[in-house]
Amino acid sequence: MADQHHAGLDWEDLRIFVALAKYGSLSATARALSVNHATISRRIQSLETALGERLVERRPDGYILTASGMRIVGPAHDMASAAEAIARSGSDLLQGIVRINAPPGLSHGFLAEQLARIVAQHPGLDIDLATDFRYVSLEKRETDIALRMSRPLDGDILAKRLVAVGYGFYATADRCRQLLDGEAAQLIGFDEANAAIPEAVWLAQHFPKARIAFRTSNHFMQAAAAEAGAGIALLPHYIARRRHSLAPCQLEYAYPPREVWLVSRPQDKKDLLVRAVIDHLVALFEENRELFEE
């Protein structure tokens, strides 16, 4: 890299480069920074010209960093964090977008409502909550924070155990009484598309002959079906305990607890916005521990 290139660095170019590396697409970066696509493209081209290296590569599903981009994104990110700290000094305002990926049941049954309250407390904070069963990569910057239902095995990540999620069988009081009177358990389970998730596999192994009277894709909808009297559902406590029309039923086997882990990137430890949302999430699960655990 020639020395004369360094003198021409523009901070705004670096700021937009860091944002594009974080969000991975022109549209997401434009929303986060309130600029248009053309401005982002122009700024990235300006930075590449100043450094004399190609920093990003366009792919059908967004942008990825080249080897040169990966080399400078860390120092550029530190500069961005320092600038944000200066800009926010004397103010407790959180401004910007943070992307969170979490399982559907956890999102619908708990996170959506709680995170909405955080946004209401901080008018400058935007939360993008995505629900997906597929593996989402933090390294590829597909999300800023991920909540996972098992201990993560990724390489260069930060992982914190939040809570152990307890499970139980729940149904209406009438269904539970029928079970006590000796009637066979009529279960609510997962549809074929979700037959490989741990809870579905466990049910198939431990209750192979039970009738599955209602099938759907996630715990949140299974709870609704149980409330309507369709059968007995294996539910996380945090969903069932908030529905007063459901009662716990005792079956022969008990599903073991699963752990919720919060996963983030090491380089985001200095990102004030991501750090603030992580702190909110940690406090949120701690305050609601009794809702989750046995």
C-alpha atoms as a PDB file:
ATOM      1  CA  MET A   1       0.000   0.000   0.000  1.00  0.00           C
ATOM      2  CA  ALA A   2       1.567   3.262  -1.052  1.00  0.00           C
ATOM      3  CA  ASP A   3       2.050   5.957   1.592  1.00  0.00           C
ATOM      4  CA  GLN A   4       0.405   8.653  -0.515  1.00  0.00           C
ATOM      5  CA  HIS A   5      -2.870   6.741  -0.388  1.00  0.00           C
ATOM      6  CA  HIS A   6      -3.131   7.041   3.400  1.00  0.00           C
ATOM      7  CA  ALA A   7      -3.169  10.832   3.396  1.00  0.00           C
ATOM      8  CA  GLY A   8      -6.382  10.841   1.389  1.00  0.00           C
ATOM      9  CA  LEU A   9      -8.495   8.810   3.843  1.00  0.00           C
ATOM     10  CA  ASP A  10     -11.908  10.299   4.552  1.00  0.00           C
ATOM     11  CA  TRP A  11     -13.604   9.428   7.862  1.00  0.00           C
ATOM     12  CA  GLU A  12     -17.047   9.316   6.255  1.00  0.00           C
ATOM     13  CA  ASP A  13     -15.753   6.728   3.768  1.00  0.00           C
ATOM     14  CA  LEU A  14     -14.519   4.586   6.667  1.00  0.00           C
ATOM     15  CA  ARG A  15     -17.785   4.971   8.565  1.00  0.00           C
ATOM     16  CA  ILE A  16     -19.822   3.752   5.604  1.00  0.00           C
ATOM     17  CA  PHE A  17     -17.373   0.905   4.960  1.00  0.00           C
ATOM     18  CA  VAL A  18     -17.772  -0.297   8.571  1.00  0.00           C
ATOM     19  CA  ALA A  19     -21.571  -0.150   8.239  1.00  0.00           C
ATOM     20  CA  LEU A  20     -21.566  -2.068   4.937  1.00  0.00           C
ATOM     21  CA  ALA A  21     -19.316  -4.720   6.512  1.00  0.00           C
ATOM     22  CA  LYS A  22     -21.762  -4.987   9.413  1.00  0.00           C
ATOM     23  CA  TYR A  23     -25.060  -5.092   7.515  1.00  0.00           C
ATOM     24  CA  GLY A  24     -23.906  -6.839   4.338  1.00  0.00           C
ATOM     25  CA  SER A  25     -26.231  -5.120   1.857  1.00  0.00           C
ATOM     26  CA  LEU A  26     -26.812  -1.670   0.378  1.00  0.00           C
ATOM     27  CA  SER A  27     -30.439  -1.561   1.513  1.00  0.00           C
ATOM     28  CA  ALA A  28     -29.721  -2.460   5.158  1.00  0.00           C
ATOM     29  CA  THR A  29     -26.777  -0.044   5.297  1.00  0.00           C
ATOM     30  CA  ALA A  30     -28.856   2.714   3.732  1.00  0.00           C
ATOM     31  CA  ARG A  31     -31.607   2.232   6.329  1.00  0.00           C
ATOM     32  CA  ALA A  32     -29.140   2.219   9.203  1.00  0.00           C
ATOM     33  CA  LEU A  33     -27.312   5.389   8.091  1.00  0.00           C
ATOM     34  CA  SER A  34     -30.254   7.197   6.437  1.00  0.00           C
ATOM     35  CA  VAL A  35     -28.361   7.611   3.157  1.00  0.00           C
ATOM     36  CA  ASN A  36     -29.088   6.412  -0.368  1.00  0.00           C
ATOM     37  CA  HIS A  37     -27.501   3.528  -2.254  1.00  0.00           C
ATOM     38  CA  ALA A  38     -25.540   5.800  -4.563  1.00  0.00           C
ATOM     39  CA  THR A  39     -23.856   7.510  -1.603  1.00  0.00           C
ATOM     40  CA  ILE A  40     -22.757   4.173  -0.173  1.00  0.00           C
ATOM     41  CA  SER A  41     -21.331   3.001  -3.507  1.00  0.00           C
ATOM     42  CA  ARG A  42     -19.525   6.305  -4.030  1.00  0.00           C
ATOM     43  CA  ARG A  43     -18.011   6.275  -0.538  1.00  0.00           C
ATOM     44  CA  ILE A  44     -16.788   2.684  -0.853  1.00  0.00           C
ATOM     45  CA  GLN A  45     -15.215   3.469  -4.230  1.00  0.00           C
ATOM     46  CA  SER A  46     -13.557   6.549  -2.715  1.00  0.00           C
ATOM     47  CA  LEU A  47     -12.056   4.490   0.124  1.00  0.00           C
ATOM     48  CA  GLU A  48     -10.830   1.784  -2.252  1.00  0.00           C
ATOM     49  CA  THR A  49      -9.192   4.468  -4.402  1.00  0.00           C
ATOM     50  CA  ALA A  50      -7.527   6.063  -1.372  1.00  0.00           C
ATOM     51  CA  LEU A  51      -6.143   2.719  -0.184  1.00  0.00           C
ATOM     52  CA  GLY A  52      -5.393   1.343  -3.618  1.00  0.00           C
ATOM     53  CA  GLU A  53      -7.124  -1.959  -2.799  1.00  0.00           C
ATOM     54  CA  ARG A  54     -10.442  -3.617  -3.409  1.00  0.00           C
ATOM     55  CA  LEU A  55     -12.277  -3.975  -0.078  1.00  0.00           C
ATOM     56  CA  VAL A  56     -15.661  -5.494  -0.902  1.00  0.00           C
ATOM     57  CA  GLU A  57     -17.021  -7.959  -3.406  1.00  0.00           C
ATOM     58  CA  ARG A  58     -20.617  -8.028  -4.541  1.00  0.00           C
ATOM     59  CA  ARG A  59     -22.459 -11.369  -4.410  1.00  0.00           C
ATOM     60  CA  PRO A  60     -26.082 -12.234  -5.312  1.00  0.00           C
ATOM     61  CA  ASP A  61     -27.044 -12.224  -1.617  1.00  0.00           C
ATOM     62  CA  GLY A  62     -25.128  -9.056  -0.668  1.00  0.00           C
ATOM     63  CA  TYR A  63     -21.575  -7.870  -0.111  1.00  0.00           C
ATOM     64  CA  ILE A  64     -18.639  -9.707   1.441  1.00  0.00           C
ATOM     65  CA  LEU A  65     -15.220  -8.381   2.450  1.00  0.00           C
ATOM     66  CA  THR A  66     -12.133  -9.195   0.428  1.00  0.00           C
ATOM     67  CA  ALA A  67      -8.913 -10.182   2.188  1.00  0.00           C
ATOM     68  CA  SER A  68      -7.914  -6.504   2.256  1.00  0.00           C
ATOM     69  CA  GLY A  69     -11.324  -5.560   3.613  1.00  0.00           C
ATOM     70  CA  MET A  70     -11.032  -8.131   6.392  1.00  0.00           C
ATOM     71  CA  ARG A  71      -7.614  -6.735   7.305  1.00  0.00           C
ATOM     72  CA  ILE A  72      -8.781  -3.170   7.823  1.00  0.00           C
ATOM     73  CA  VAL A  73     -12.327  -3.694   9.137  1.00  0.00           C
ATOM     74  CA  GLY A  74     -11.114  -4.249  12.711  1.00  0.00           C
ATOM     75  CA  PRO A  75      -9.145  -0.977  13.004  1.00  0.00           C
ATOM     76  CA  ALA A  76     -11.894   0.863  11.106  1.00  0.00           C
ATOM     77  CA  HIS A  77     -14.502  -0.542  13.498  1.00  0.00           C
ATOM     78  CA  ASP A  78     -12.479   0.650  16.499  1.00  0.00           C
ATOM     79  CA  MET A  79     -12.347   4.135  14.970  1.00  0.00           C
ATOM     80  CA  ALA A  80     -16.115   4.091  14.454  1.00  0.00           C
ATOM     81  CA  SER A  81     -16.733   3.008  18.035  1.00  0.00           C
ATOM     82  CA  ALA A  82     -14.461   5.733  19.376  1.00  0.00           C
ATOM     83  CA  ALA A  83     -16.244   8.348  17.289  1.00  0.00           C
ATOM     84  CA  GLU A  84     -19.628   7.138  18.520  1.00  0.00           C
ATOM     85  CA  ALA A  85     -18.434   7.334  22.114  1.00  0.00           C
ATOM     86  CA  ILE A  86     -17.372  10.947  21.586  1.00  0.00           C
ATOM     87  CA  ALA A  87     -20.634  11.806  19.838  1.00  0.00           C
ATOM     88  CA  ARG A  88     -22.691  10.276  22.635  1.00  0.00           C
ATOM     89  CA  SER A  89     -20.709  11.727  25.517  1.00  0.00           C
ATOM     90  CA  GLY A  90     -23.055  13.542  27.861  1.00  0.00           C
ATOM     91  CA  SER A  91     -26.063  11.723  26.379  1.00  0.00           C
ATOM     92  CA  ASP A  92     -27.742   8.420  27.191  1.00  0.00           C
ATOM     93  CA  LEU A  93     -29.389   8.164  23.763  1.00  0.00           C
ATOM     94  CA  LEU A  94     -28.943   4.937  21.801  1.00  0.00           C
ATOM     95  CA  GLN A  95     -29.119   5.493  18.058  1.00  0.00           C
ATOM     96  CA  GLY A  96     -28.821   2.943  15.280  1.00  0.00           C
ATOM     97  CA  ILE A  97     -29.988  -0.532  14.284  1.00  0.00           C
ATOM     98  CA  VAL A  98     -29.115  -3.850  15.947  1.00  0.00           C
ATOM     99  CA  ARG A  99     -30.033  -7.159  14.281  1.00  0.00           C
ATOM    100  CA  ILE A 100     -31.017 -10.095  16.486  1.00  0.00           C
ATOM    101  CA  ASN A 101     -31.675 -13.650  15.330  1.00  0.00           C
ATOM    102  CA  ALA A 102     -33.614 -16.020  17.586  1.00  0.00           C
ATOM    103  CA  PRO A 103     -35.765 -19.171  17.306  1.00  0.00           C
ATOM    104  CA  PRO A 104     -39.443 -18.592  16.407  1.00  0.00           C
ATOM    105  CA  GLY A 105     -40.889 -19.828  19.712  1.00  0.00           C
ATOM    106  CA  LEU A 106     -38.574 -17.684  21.799  1.00  0.00           C
ATOM    107  CA  SER A 107     -39.204 -14.672  19.577  1.00  0.00           C
ATOM    108  CA  HIS A 108     -42.997 -14.927  19.447  1.00  0.00           C
ATOM    109  CA  GLY A 109     -43.471 -16.147  22.999  1.00  0.00           C
ATOM    110  CA  PHE A 110     -41.153 -13.756  24.821  1.00  0.00           C
ATOM    111  CA  LEU A 111     -38.654 -11.598  22.935  1.00  0.00           C
ATOM    112  CA  ALA A 112     -40.882  -9.583  20.605  1.00  0.00           C
ATOM    113  CA  GLU A 113     -42.860  -7.951  23.399  1.00  0.00           C
ATOM    114  CA  GLN A 114     -39.826  -7.370  25.611  1.00  0.00           C
ATOM    115  CA  LEU A 115     -37.617  -5.922  22.870  1.00  0.00           C
ATOM    116  CA  ALA A 116     -40.444  -3.650  21.759  1.00  0.00           C
ATOM    117  CA  ARG A 117     -40.387  -2.126  25.248  1.00  0.00           C
ATOM    118  CA  ILE A 118     -36.656  -1.443  24.925  1.00  0.00           C
ATOM    119  CA  VAL A 119     -37.280   0.378  21.641  1.00  0.00           C
ATOM    120  CA  ALA A 120     -40.010   2.421  23.314  1.00  0.00           C
ATOM    121  CA  GLN A 121     -37.509   3.472  26.007  1.00  0.00           C
ATOM    122  CA  HIS A 122     -34.879   4.489  23.419  1.00  0.00           C
ATOM    123  CA  PRO A 123     -36.496   6.344  20.486  1.00  0.00           C
ATOM    124  CA  GLY A 124     -33.246   6.287  18.469  1.00  0.00           C
ATOM    125  CA  LEU A 125     -32.792   2.509  18.707  1.00  0.00           C
ATOM    126  CA  ASP A 126     -34.033   0.216  15.925  1.00  0.00           C
ATOM    127  CA  ILE A 127     -34.296  -3.543  16.478  1.00  0.00           C
ATOM    128  CA  ASP A 128     -34.420  -6.033  13.600  1.00  0.00           C
ATOM    129  CA  LEU A 129     -35.660  -9.320  15.116  1.00  0.00           C
ATOM    130  CA  ALA A 130     -35.444 -12.251  12.683  1.00  0.00           C
ATOM    131  CA  THR A 131     -36.761 -15.736  13.406  1.00  0.00           C
ATOM    132  CA  ASP A 132     -35.118 -18.615  11.605  1.00  0.00           C
ATOM    133  CA  PHE A 133     -34.313 -22.250  12.363  1.00  0.00           C
ATOM    134  CA  ARG A 134     -31.356 -22.226   9.966  1.00  0.00           C
ATOM    135  CA  TYR A 135     -27.810 -21.518  11.093  1.00  0.00           C
ATOM    136  CA  VAL A 136     -27.053 -17.799  10.909  1.00  0.00           C
ATOM    137  CA  SER A 137     -23.427 -16.715  10.693  1.00  0.00           C
ATOM    138  CA  LEU A 138     -22.090 -13.880  12.807  1.00  0.00           C
ATOM    139  CA  GLU A 139     -18.756 -14.095  11.014  1.00  0.00           C
ATOM    140  CA  LYS A 140     -20.482 -13.288   7.718  1.00  0.00           C
ATOM    141  CA  ARG A 141     -22.318 -10.477   9.538  1.00  0.00           C
ATOM    142  CA  GLU A 142     -25.761 -11.922   8.824  1.00  0.00           C
ATOM    143  CA  THR A 143     -26.742 -10.752  12.312  1.00  0.00           C
ATOM    144  CA  ASP A 144     -25.224  -8.819  15.226  1.00  0.00           C
ATOM    145  CA  ILE A 145     -26.561 -10.976  18.062  1.00  0.00           C
ATOM    146  CA  ALA A 146     -27.832 -14.560  17.957  1.00  0.00           C
ATOM    147  CA  LEU A 147     -29.792 -16.449  20.595  1.00  0.00           C
ATOM    148  CA  ARG A 148     -29.342 -20.205  20.335  1.00  0.00           C
ATOM    149  CA  MET A 149     -30.932 -23.139  22.116  1.00  0.00           C
ATOM    150  CA  SER A 150     -27.681 -25.071  22.594  1.00  0.00           C
ATOM    151  CA  ARG A 151     -24.066 -24.310  23.477  1.00  0.00           C
ATOM    152  CA  PRO A 152     -22.491 -22.764  20.355  1.00  0.00           C
ATOM    153  CA  LEU A 153     -19.530 -24.517  18.765  1.00  0.00           C
ATOM    154  CA  ASP A 154     -18.477 -21.678  16.453  1.00  0.00           C
ATOM    155  CA  GLY A 155     -14.868 -20.564  16.389  1.00  0.00           C
ATOM    156  CA  ASP A 156     -14.166 -16.887  17.033  1.00  0.00           C
ATOM    157  CA  ILE A 157     -17.273 -15.819  18.959  1.00  0.00           C
ATOM    158  CA  LEU A 158     -18.345 -14.665  22.397  1.00  0.00           C
ATOM    159  CA  ALA A 159     -20.977 -16.872  24.053  1.00  0.00           C
ATOM    160  CA  LYS A 160     -22.879 -16.302  27.284  1.00  0.00           C
ATOM    161  CA  ARG A 161     -25.351 -18.715  28.863  1.00  0.00           C
ATOM    162  CA  LEU A 162     -28.536 -16.827  29.703  1.00  0.00           C
ATOM    163  CA  VAL A 163     -30.973 -19.334  31.197  1.00  0.00           C
ATOM    164  CA  ALA A 164     -32.023 -22.985  31.275  1.00  0.00           C
ATOM    165  CA  VAL A 165     -35.419 -23.395  29.630  1.00  0.00           C
ATOM    166  CA  GLY A 166     -37.643 -25.935  31.374  1.00  0.00           C
ATOM    167  CA  TYR A 167     -40.399 -27.839  29.555  1.00  0.00           C
ATOM    168  CA  GLY A 168     -43.632 -29.505  30.540  1.00  0.00           C
ATOM    169  CA  PHE A 169     -46.802 -30.993  29.090  1.00  0.00           C
ATOM    170  CA  TYR A 170     -49.711 -28.546  29.106  1.00  0.00           C
ATOM    171  CA  ALA A 171     -53.381 -28.709  28.182  1.00  0.00           C
ATOM    172  CA  THR A 172     -56.759 -27.466  29.340  1.00  0.00           C
ATOM    173  CA  ALA A 173     -57.913 -28.603  32.782  1.00  0.00           C
ATOM    174  CA  ASP A 174     -60.463 -30.910  31.123  1.00  0.00           C
ATOM    175  CA  ARG A 175     -57.767 -32.607  29.043  1.00  0.00           C
ATOM    176  CA  CYS A 176     -55.597 -33.109  32.129  1.00  0.00           C
ATOM    177  CA  ARG A 177     -58.533 -34.653  34.023  1.00  0.00           C
ATOM    178  CA  GLN A 178     -59.222 -37.024  31.129  1.00  0.00           C
ATOM    179  CA  LEU A 179     -55.592 -38.125  31.310  1.00  0.00           C
ATOM    180  CA  LEU A 180     -55.915 -38.807  35.044  1.00  0.00           C
ATOM    181  CA  ASP A 181     -59.087 -40.812  34.360  1.00  0.00           C
ATOM    182  CA  GLY A 182     -57.060 -43.184  32.194  1.00  0.00           C
ATOM    183  CA  GLU A 183     -57.691 -41.853  28.699  1.00  0.00           C
ATOM    184  CA  ALA A 184     -54.818 -42.099  26.225  1.00  0.00           C
ATOM    185  CA  ALA A 185     -52.818 -38.927  25.706  1.00  0.00           C
ATOM    186  CA  GLN A 186     -53.770 -37.025  22.555  1.00  0.00           C
ATOM    187  CA  LEU A 187     -50.737 -34.914  21.650  1.00  0.00           C
ATOM    188  CA  ILE A 188     -49.979 -31.757  19.743  1.00  0.00           C
ATOM    189  CA  GLY A 189     -46.747 -31.935  17.772  1.00  0.00           C
ATOM    190  CA  PHE A 190     -44.639 -30.549  14.965  1.00  0.00           C
ATOM    191  CA  ASP A 191     -45.399 -30.657  11.253  1.00  0.00           C
ATOM    192  CA  GLU A 192     -43.271 -32.654   8.813  1.00  0.00           C
ATOM    193  CA  ALA A 193     -41.116 -29.671   7.876  1.00  0.00           C
ATOM    194  CA  ASN A 194     -39.947 -29.415  11.501  1.00  0.00           C
ATOM    195  CA  ALA A 195     -39.761 -33.126  12.335  1.00  0.00           C
ATOM    196  CA  ALA A 196     -35.978 -32.956  12.850  1.00  0.00           C
ATOM    197  CA  ILE A 197     -35.875 -30.379  15.642  1.00  0.00           C
ATOM    198  CA  PRO A 198     -34.946 -31.793  19.087  1.00  0.00           C
ATOM    199  CA  GLU A 199     -38.397 -31.600  20.678  1.00  0.00           C
ATOM    200  CA  ALA A 200     -40.038 -33.334  17.701  1.00  0.00           C
ATOM    201  CA  VAL A 201     -37.434 -36.114  17.665  1.00  0.00           C
ATOM    202  CA  TRP A 202     -37.830 -36.621  21.432  1.00  0.00           C
ATOM    203  CA  LEU A 203     -41.611 -36.899  21.188  1.00  0.00           C
ATOM    204  CA  ALA A 204     -41.338 -39.466  18.383  1.00  0.00           C
ATOM    205  CA  GLN A 205     -38.880 -41.534  20.421  1.00  0.00           C
ATOM    206  CA  HIS A 206     -40.751 -41.481  23.724  1.00  0.00           C
ATOM    207  CA  PHE A 207     -44.367 -41.545  22.489  1.00  0.00           C
ATOM    208  CA  PRO A 208     -44.160 -43.497  19.218  1.00  0.00           C
ATOM    209  CA  LYS A 209     -47.748 -44.806  19.412  1.00  0.00           C
ATOM    210  CA  ALA A 210     -49.447 -41.634  20.635  1.00  0.00           C
ATOM    211  CA  ARG A 211     -51.943 -39.930  18.390  1.00  0.00           C
ATOM    212  CA  ILE A 212     -50.710 -36.543  17.165  1.00  0.00           C
ATOM    213  CA  ALA A 213     -54.045 -34.808  16.739  1.00  0.00           C
ATOM    214  CA  PHE A 214     -52.675 -31.422  15.703  1.00  0.00           C
ATOM    215  CA  ARG A 215     -49.372 -30.519  14.025  1.00  0.00           C
ATOM    216  CA  THR A 216     -47.867 -27.110  13.471  1.00  0.00           C
ATOM    217  CA  SER A 217     -44.504 -25.420  13.099  1.00  0.00           C
ATOM    218  CA  ASN A 218     -43.703 -23.894  16.500  1.00  0.00           C
ATOM    219  CA  HIS A 219     -44.483 -23.860  20.223  1.00  0.00           C
ATOM    220  CA  PHE A 220     -46.368 -20.595  20.069  1.00  0.00           C
ATOM    221  CA  MET A 221     -49.016 -22.037  17.748  1.00  0.00           C
ATOM    222  CA  GLN A 222     -49.010 -25.339  19.630  1.00  0.00           C
ATOM    223  CA  ALA A 223     -49.923 -23.445  22.802  1.00  0.00           C
ATOM    224  CA  ALA A 224     -52.858 -21.846  21.001  1.00  0.00           C
ATOM    225  CA  ALA A 225     -54.007 -25.275  19.826  1.00  0.00           C
ATOM    226  CA  ALA A 226     -53.742 -26.650  23.371  1.00  0.00           C
ATOM    227  CA  GLU A 227     -55.838 -23.746  24.682  1.00  0.00           C
ATOM    228  CA  ALA A 228     -58.500 -24.619  22.112  1.00  0.00           C
ATOM    229  CA  GLY A 229     -58.635 -28.185  23.448  1.00  0.00           C
ATOM    230  CA  ALA A 230     -56.876 -29.977  20.579  1.00  0.00           C
ATOM    231  CA  GLY A 231     -54.686 -32.029  22.899  1.00  0.00           C
ATOM    232  CA  ILE A 232     -51.616 -31.967  25.133  1.00  0.00           C
ATOM    233  CA  ALA A 233     -48.579 -29.959  24.028  1.00  0.00           C
ATOM    234  CA  LEU A 234     -44.944 -30.176  25.086  1.00  0.00           C
ATOM    235  CA  LEU A 235     -44.188 -26.512  25.761  1.00  0.00           C
ATOM    236  CA  PRO A 236     -41.422 -24.370  27.233  1.00  0.00           C
ATOM    237  CA  HIS A 237     -42.560 -23.013  30.591  1.00  0.00           C
ATOM    238  CA  TYR A 238     -42.075 -19.398  29.457  1.00  0.00           C
ATOM    239  CA  ILE A 239     -44.869 -19.844  26.903  1.00  0.00           C
ATOM    240  CA  ALA A 240     -47.264 -22.009  28.913  1.00  0.00           C
ATOM    241  CA  ARG A 241     -47.005 -20.138  32.220  1.00  0.00           C
ATOM    242  CA  ARG A 242     -48.253 -16.934  30.596  1.00  0.00           C
ATOM    243  CA  ARG A 243     -51.434 -18.650  29.393  1.00  0.00           C
ATOM    244  CA  HIS A 244     -53.785 -19.020  32.345  1.00  0.00           C
ATOM    245  CA  SER A 245     -56.115 -21.397  30.507  1.00  0.00           C
ATOM    246  CA  LEU A 246     -53.355 -24.049  30.350  1.00  0.00           C
ATOM    247  CA  ALA A 247     -52.589 -26.471  33.181  1.00  0.00           C
ATOM    248  CA  PRO A 248     -49.597 -28.798  33.605  1.00  0.00           C
ATOM    249  CA  CYS A 249     -50.241 -32.493  32.850  1.00  0.00           C
ATOM    250  CA  GLN A 250     -48.062 -35.337  34.096  1.00  0.00           C
ATOM    251  CA  LEU A 251     -46.973 -37.848  31.469  1.00  0.00           C
ATOM    252  CA  GLU A 252     -44.623 -40.797  31.743  1.00  0.00           C
ATOM    253  CA  TYR A 253     -41.536 -38.967  30.488  1.00  0.00           C
ATOM    254  CA  ALA A 254     -40.174 -35.461  31.106  1.00  0.00           C
ATOM    255  CA  TYR A 255     -38.321 -33.454  28.493  1.00  0.00           C
ATOM    256  CA  PRO A 256     -34.894 -32.221  29.700  1.00  0.00           C
ATOM    257  CA  PRO A 257     -34.172 -28.482  29.956  1.00  0.00           C
ATOM    258  CA  ARG A 258     -32.431 -26.659  27.098  1.00  0.00           C
ATOM    259  CA  GLU A 259     -30.061 -23.743  27.466  1.00  0.00           C
ATOM    260  CA  VAL A 260     -30.356 -20.334  25.831  1.00  0.00           C
ATOM    261  CA  TRP A 261     -27.023 -18.867  24.761  1.00  0.00           C
ATOM    262  CA  LEU A 262     -26.313 -15.333  23.593  1.00  0.00           C
ATOM    263  CA  VAL A 263     -23.709 -15.201  20.831  1.00  0.00           C
ATOM    264  CA  SER A 264     -21.895 -12.128  19.487  1.00  0.00           C
ATOM    265  CA  ARG A 265     -18.680 -11.155  17.708  1.00  0.00           C
ATOM    266  CA  PRO A 266     -15.532 -10.330  19.755  1.00  0.00           C
ATOM    267  CA  GLN A 267     -14.979  -7.144  17.754  1.00  0.00           C
ATOM    268  CA  ASP A 268     -18.413  -5.872  18.795  1.00  0.00           C
ATOM    269  CA  LYS A 269     -17.352  -5.660  22.456  1.00  0.00           C
ATOM    270  CA  LYS A 270     -16.427  -2.039  21.696  1.00  0.00           C
ATOM    271  CA  ASP A 271     -19.614  -1.312  19.747  1.00  0.00           C
ATOM    272  CA  LEU A 272     -21.619   0.762  22.217  1.00  0.00           C
ATOM    273  CA  LEU A 273     -24.960   0.065  20.549  1.00  0.00           C
ATOM    274  CA  VAL A 274     -24.549  -3.711  20.320  1.00  0.00           C
ATOM    275  CA  ARG A 275     -23.088  -3.788  23.835  1.00  0.00           C
ATOM    276  CA  ALA A 276     -26.084  -1.884  25.203  1.00  0.00           C
ATOM    277  CA  VAL A 277     -28.569  -4.297  23.608  1.00  0.00           C
ATOM    278  CA  ILE A 278     -26.601  -7.304  24.891  1.00  0.00           C
ATOM    279  CA  ASP A 279     -26.714  -5.826  28.405  1.00  0.00           C
ATOM    280  CA  HIS A 280     -30.485  -5.334  28.040  1.00  0.00           C
ATOM    281  CA  LEU A 281     -30.937  -8.949  26.964  1.00  0.00           C
ATOM    282  CA  VAL A 282     -28.824 -10.323  29.819  1.00  0.00           C
ATOM    283  CA  ALA A 283     -30.817  -8.287  32.345  1.00  0.00           C
ATOM    284  CA  LEU A 284     -34.095  -9.285  30.694  1.00  0.00           C
ATOM    285  CA  PHE A 285     -33.477 -13.007  31.072  1.00  0.00           C
ATOM    286  CA  GLU A 286     -32.186 -12.594  34.611  1.00  0.00           C
ATOM    287  CA  GLU A 287     -35.304 -10.678  35.655  1.00  0.00           C
ATOM    288  CA  ASN A 288     -37.552 -13.359  34.145  1.00  0.00           C
ATOM    289  CA  ARG A 289     -35.597 -16.428  35.274  1.00  0.00           C
ATOM    290  CA  GLU A 290     -38.563 -17.852  37.225  1.00  0.00           C
ATOM    291  CA  LEU A 291     -40.648 -17.803  34.050  1.00  0.00           C
ATOM    292  CA  PHE A 292     -38.168 -20.116  32.294  1.00  0.00           C
ATOM    293  CA  GLU A 293     -36.728 -22.511  34.813  1.00  0.00           C
ATOM    294  CA  GLU A 294     -38.159 -25.505  36.665  1.00  0.00           C
END
